[in-house]
């Protein structure tokens, strides 16, 4: 009798569990973009606007200050773009505060999350382009590893590289030629590289960075890449210069 009671209890649990199982089956996944434009301003909610008003004033006070000016619309794109060129060159520029003169810099396209419109550039504009808390990293790679890095960049279809880098890649991502400041890469020569700490860890398919030596990457807030970008714009503004950059054949597809 006791065994029958136990068996009945077990069967009850099994039946309860089976009844909890969903009979729904995933047939597919679809997605679309919703354009947020002025249509949504046609019938504003007064209560919501009143609630947000004090926060908007505070946010605007932080985001609206102008840090510089740019002379044309700049966006990121592969294999090379004016914006990725600019940001890579800024990494080289920002290295001077650490008494460093890197041979070249790498800035990943995936880390560039917006474009710069022509005209005044604000704190908020820079934050949109570089929203992550990435820090500037300086490291050393052997020439052999530099070539491995350039092959990985080629496989990805191009990343941001600084002035002086010359890569020729095929449409299917094969590196054909690589030069730095007009010279072939010497496999045995050490090269100093400026990049983001995210990439220095070997992310985004750039695993050659894992073999780095001589790493310098201060974690102070002012070493955040977005602040280095702002400092660059402010410096150009102090000099009365409008920021410019252009595609110049750093990465060419043949």
Protein backbone atom coordinates (compact mmCIF):
# COMPACT_ATOMS: atom_id res chain seq x y z
CA UNK A 1 0.00 0.00 0.00
CA UNK A 2 2.82 2.38 0.93
CA UNK A 3 4.56 1.63 -2.38
CA UNK A 4 1.35 2.43 -4.27
CA UNK A 5 1.07 5.79 -2.50
CA UNK A 6 4.68 6.68 -3.38
CA UNK A 7 4.18 5.59 -7.01
CA UNK A 8 1.01 7.68 -7.25
CA UNK A 9 2.87 10.70 -5.88
CA UNK A 10 5.70 10.32 -8.39
CA UNK A 11 3.25 9.99 -11.27
CA UNK A 12 1.43 13.08 -10.05
CA UNK A 13 4.64 15.13 -10.09
CA UNK A 14 5.53 13.90 -13.58
CA UNK A 15 2.09 14.75 -14.91
CA UNK A 16 2.23 18.19 -13.29
CA UNK A 17 5.63 18.90 -14.86
CA UNK A 18 4.51 17.72 -18.28
CA UNK A 19 1.48 19.99 -18.11
CA UNK A 20 3.80 22.97 -17.44
CA UNK A 21 5.68 22.50 -20.67
CA UNK A 22 4.97 25.08 -23.35
CA UNK A 23 3.55 23.89 -26.65
CA UNK A 24 4.80 27.02 -28.40
CA UNK A 25 7.53 26.57 -31.02
CA UNK A 26 9.75 29.42 -32.28
CA UNK A 27 9.19 29.74 -36.02
CA UNK A 28 11.49 32.67 -36.72
CA UNK A 29 12.88 36.00 -35.60
CA UNK A 30 12.30 39.30 -37.37
CA UNK A 31 13.45 42.81 -36.60
CA UNK A 32 12.97 46.28 -38.03
CA UNK A 33 14.02 49.83 -37.33
CA UNK A 34 11.68 52.46 -35.98
CA UNK A 35 12.59 55.91 -37.22
CA UNK A 36 12.41 58.44 -34.41
CA UNK A 37 11.81 61.83 -36.01
CA UNK A 38 9.72 65.00 -35.63
CA UNK A 39 6.47 63.09 -36.14
CA UNK A 40 6.71 62.04 -32.52
CA UNK A 41 6.79 65.71 -31.48
CA UNK A 42 3.40 66.45 -33.02
CA UNK A 43 1.41 65.66 -29.85
CA UNK A 44 3.75 66.15 -26.90
CA UNK A 45 2.72 64.89 -23.48
CA UNK A 46 2.71 67.92 -21.19
CA UNK A 47 3.10 65.87 -18.01
CA UNK A 48 6.06 63.96 -19.40
CA UNK A 49 7.69 67.17 -20.63
CA UNK A 50 7.30 68.74 -17.20
CA UNK A 51 8.80 65.69 -15.53
CA UNK A 52 11.83 65.68 -17.85
CA UNK A 53 12.41 69.45 -17.85
CA UNK A 54 14.78 69.68 -14.83
CA UNK A 55 16.79 66.72 -16.03
CA UNK A 56 17.01 68.12 -19.57
CA UNK A 57 18.49 71.35 -18.28
CA UNK A 58 21.16 69.47 -16.34
CA UNK A 59 22.00 67.13 -19.23
CA UNK A 60 22.14 70.02 -21.72
CA UNK A 61 24.52 71.91 -19.44
CA UNK A 62 26.91 68.97 -19.62
CA UNK A 63 26.47 67.94 -23.25
CA UNK A 64 26.15 71.29 -25.04
CA UNK A 65 29.55 72.98 -24.45
CA UNK A 66 31.49 73.26 -27.72
CA UNK A 67 34.92 71.62 -27.76
CA UNK A 68 35.87 72.41 -31.35
CA UNK A 69 34.83 72.53 -34.98
CA UNK A 70 35.04 70.14 -37.92
CA UNK A 71 35.08 71.15 -41.57
CA UNK A 72 32.90 68.42 -43.11
CA UNK A 73 30.66 65.49 -42.27
CA UNK A 74 32.73 62.48 -41.14
CA UNK A 75 31.58 58.89 -40.74
CA UNK A 76 33.33 55.56 -40.27
CA UNK A 77 33.55 53.01 -43.05
CA UNK A 78 35.75 50.22 -44.38
CA UNK A 79 38.37 49.77 -45.58
CA UNK A 80 39.28 53.34 -44.65
CA UNK A 81 37.39 56.51 -43.75
CA UNK A 82 38.09 60.08 -42.78
CA UNK A 83 36.66 59.57 -39.27
CA UNK A 84 38.62 56.38 -38.50
CA UNK A 85 41.75 58.12 -39.81
CA UNK A 86 41.10 61.10 -37.55
CA UNK A 87 40.54 59.02 -34.42
CA UNK A 88 43.61 56.86 -35.07
CA UNK A 89 45.75 59.97 -35.50
CA UNK A 90 44.31 61.37 -32.27
CA UNK A 91 45.57 58.28 -30.43
CA UNK A 92 49.08 59.07 -31.66
CA UNK A 93 48.62 62.72 -30.66
CA UNK A 94 47.36 61.75 -27.20
CA UNK A 95 50.39 59.55 -26.54
CA UNK A 96 52.65 62.55 -26.08
CA UNK A 97 51.33 63.15 -22.56
CA UNK A 98 53.04 59.85 -21.65
CA UNK A 99 56.25 60.90 -23.42
CA UNK A 100 55.53 58.29 -26.09
CA UNK A 101 55.92 58.47 -29.86
CA UNK A 102 54.17 55.36 -31.21
CA UNK A 103 55.02 54.09 -34.68
CA UNK A 104 51.32 53.76 -35.49
CA UNK A 105 47.85 53.45 -33.95
CA UNK A 106 44.83 51.21 -34.41
CA UNK A 107 41.20 52.23 -33.69
CA UNK A 108 38.48 49.68 -34.36
CA UNK A 109 35.58 50.60 -36.61
CA UNK A 110 33.16 48.90 -34.22
CA UNK A 111 34.13 51.34 -31.48
CA UNK A 112 32.98 54.32 -33.57
CA UNK A 113 29.26 54.61 -32.82
CA UNK A 114 28.23 57.82 -34.59
CA UNK A 115 29.37 60.41 -37.12
CA UNK A 116 30.50 64.01 -36.77
CA UNK A 117 28.36 66.59 -38.55
CA UNK A 118 30.00 69.61 -40.14
CA UNK A 119 30.36 72.57 -37.82
CA UNK A 120 30.61 72.96 -34.07
CA UNK A 121 31.41 69.80 -32.11
CA UNK A 122 30.05 69.51 -28.58
CA UNK A 123 30.88 67.34 -25.61
CA UNK A 124 27.74 65.33 -26.43
CA UNK A 125 28.83 64.80 -30.04
CA UNK A 126 32.12 63.25 -28.90
CA UNK A 127 30.27 61.09 -26.38
CA UNK A 128 28.07 59.71 -29.15
CA UNK A 129 31.08 58.87 -31.34
CA UNK A 130 33.08 57.32 -28.48
CA UNK A 131 30.55 56.20 -25.83
CA UNK A 132 32.67 53.50 -24.20
CA UNK A 133 35.07 53.84 -21.29
CA UNK A 134 38.02 52.69 -23.37
CA UNK A 135 41.45 53.83 -22.23
CA UNK A 136 44.45 54.67 -24.40
CA UNK A 137 46.99 51.83 -24.40
CA UNK A 138 50.60 51.88 -25.53
CA UNK A 139 52.33 48.60 -26.19
CA UNK A 140 55.11 46.95 -28.16
CA UNK A 141 54.78 44.28 -30.85
CA UNK A 142 57.55 42.60 -32.76
CA UNK A 143 57.58 43.19 -36.51
CA UNK A 144 56.42 39.61 -36.96
CA UNK A 145 53.39 40.29 -34.76
CA UNK A 146 52.75 43.59 -36.54
CA UNK A 147 52.44 41.66 -39.79
CA UNK A 148 50.09 39.22 -38.08
CA UNK A 149 48.06 42.19 -36.84
CA UNK A 150 47.89 43.69 -40.33
CA UNK A 151 46.73 40.33 -41.73
CA UNK A 152 43.97 40.26 -39.13
CA UNK A 153 42.96 43.82 -40.05
CA UNK A 154 42.85 42.73 -43.70
CA UNK A 155 40.60 39.78 -42.85
CA UNK A 156 38.21 42.19 -41.14
CA UNK A 157 38.07 44.38 -44.25
CA UNK A 158 39.95 47.25 -42.63
CA UNK A 159 40.16 49.05 -39.29
CA UNK A 160 41.22 52.54 -38.32
CA UNK A 161 44.98 53.01 -38.71
CA UNK A 162 47.10 56.11 -38.31
CA UNK A 163 49.01 58.12 -40.88
CA UNK A 164 52.02 56.25 -42.25
CA UNK A 165 50.38 52.83 -42.42
CA UNK A 166 49.99 51.51 -45.97
CA UNK A 167 48.07 48.27 -46.42
CA UNK A 168 47.00 46.69 -49.69
CA UNK A 169 44.37 43.99 -49.25
CA UNK A 170 42.21 41.87 -51.53
CA UNK A 171 38.42 41.91 -51.62
CA UNK A 172 38.37 38.58 -49.80
CA UNK A 173 40.50 39.92 -46.94
CA UNK A 174 44.03 38.81 -47.82
CA UNK A 175 46.94 41.12 -47.04
CA UNK A 176 49.06 41.67 -50.16
CA UNK A 177 51.48 44.36 -48.98
CA UNK A 178 52.24 46.29 -45.82
CA UNK A 179 54.49 49.28 -45.27
CA UNK A 180 55.00 51.71 -42.43
CA UNK A 181 56.29 55.21 -43.10
CA UNK A 182 57.44 54.07 -46.54
CA UNK A 183 59.36 51.02 -45.31
CA UNK A 184 58.74 47.30 -45.22
CA UNK A 185 58.01 45.81 -41.80
CA UNK A 186 61.14 44.27 -40.25
CA UNK A 187 60.06 41.03 -38.49
CA UNK A 188 62.73 41.45 -35.80
CA UNK A 189 62.22 45.14 -35.06
CA UNK A 190 60.00 46.16 -32.09
CA UNK A 191 57.22 48.61 -32.94
CA UNK A 192 55.38 50.84 -30.49
CA UNK A 193 51.60 50.88 -30.99
CA UNK A 194 48.82 53.09 -29.62
CA UNK A 195 45.37 51.55 -29.36
CA UNK A 196 42.36 51.06 -27.08
CA UNK A 197 42.56 48.80 -24.03
CA UNK A 198 39.69 46.76 -25.51
CA UNK A 199 41.81 45.93 -28.55
CA UNK A 200 44.98 45.50 -26.51
CA UNK A 201 43.26 42.50 -24.90
CA UNK A 202 43.00 40.84 -28.32
CA UNK A 203 39.32 41.56 -28.97
CA UNK A 204 37.56 42.17 -32.30
CA UNK A 205 39.63 39.45 -33.99
CA UNK A 206 42.93 41.28 -33.39
CA UNK A 207 44.52 38.50 -31.34
CA UNK A 208 48.07 39.58 -32.30
CA UNK A 209 47.77 42.15 -29.52
CA UNK A 210 47.82 39.33 -26.97
CA UNK A 211 51.58 39.01 -27.54
CA UNK A 212 52.23 42.60 -26.48
CA UNK A 213 55.02 43.72 -24.19
CA UNK A 214 55.77 47.01 -22.44
CA UNK A 215 52.13 47.81 -21.78
CA UNK A 216 51.32 51.33 -20.58
CA UNK A 217 47.65 52.00 -19.84
CA UNK A 218 46.89 54.43 -17.00
CA UNK A 219 43.34 53.95 -15.74
CA UNK A 220 42.77 57.58 -14.74
CA UNK A 221 39.56 59.07 -16.09
CA UNK A 222 41.45 61.61 -18.19
CA UNK A 223 43.00 58.68 -20.08
CA UNK A 224 39.55 57.75 -21.35
CA UNK A 225 39.68 57.98 -25.15
CA UNK A 226 36.65 60.28 -25.35
CA UNK A 227 38.44 62.86 -23.19
CA UNK A 228 41.58 62.59 -25.33
CA UNK A 229 39.42 63.27 -28.39
CA UNK A 230 37.91 66.32 -26.64
CA UNK A 231 41.36 67.54 -25.64
CA UNK A 232 42.45 67.31 -29.28
CA UNK A 233 39.48 69.37 -30.46
CA UNK A 234 40.09 71.95 -27.75
CA UNK A 235 43.76 72.21 -28.68
CA UNK A 236 42.87 72.76 -32.35
CA UNK A 237 40.30 75.36 -31.26
CA UNK A 238 42.94 77.19 -29.21
CA UNK A 239 45.12 77.26 -32.31
CA UNK A 240 42.24 78.63 -34.38
CA UNK A 241 42.06 75.47 -36.49
CA UNK A 242 39.06 73.63 -37.87
CA UNK A 243 39.58 69.86 -37.61
CA UNK A 244 39.98 68.03 -40.88
CA UNK A 245 40.82 64.52 -42.03
CA UNK A 246 40.53 62.67 -45.31
CA UNK A 247 40.90 59.28 -46.91
CA UNK A 248 44.48 59.07 -48.12
CA UNK A 249 45.09 55.47 -49.16
CA UNK A 250 46.08 53.98 -45.82
CA UNK A 251 44.15 50.82 -46.67
CA UNK A 252 43.54 50.05 -50.32
CA UNK A 253 41.58 47.15 -51.81
CA UNK A 254 42.95 45.65 -55.04
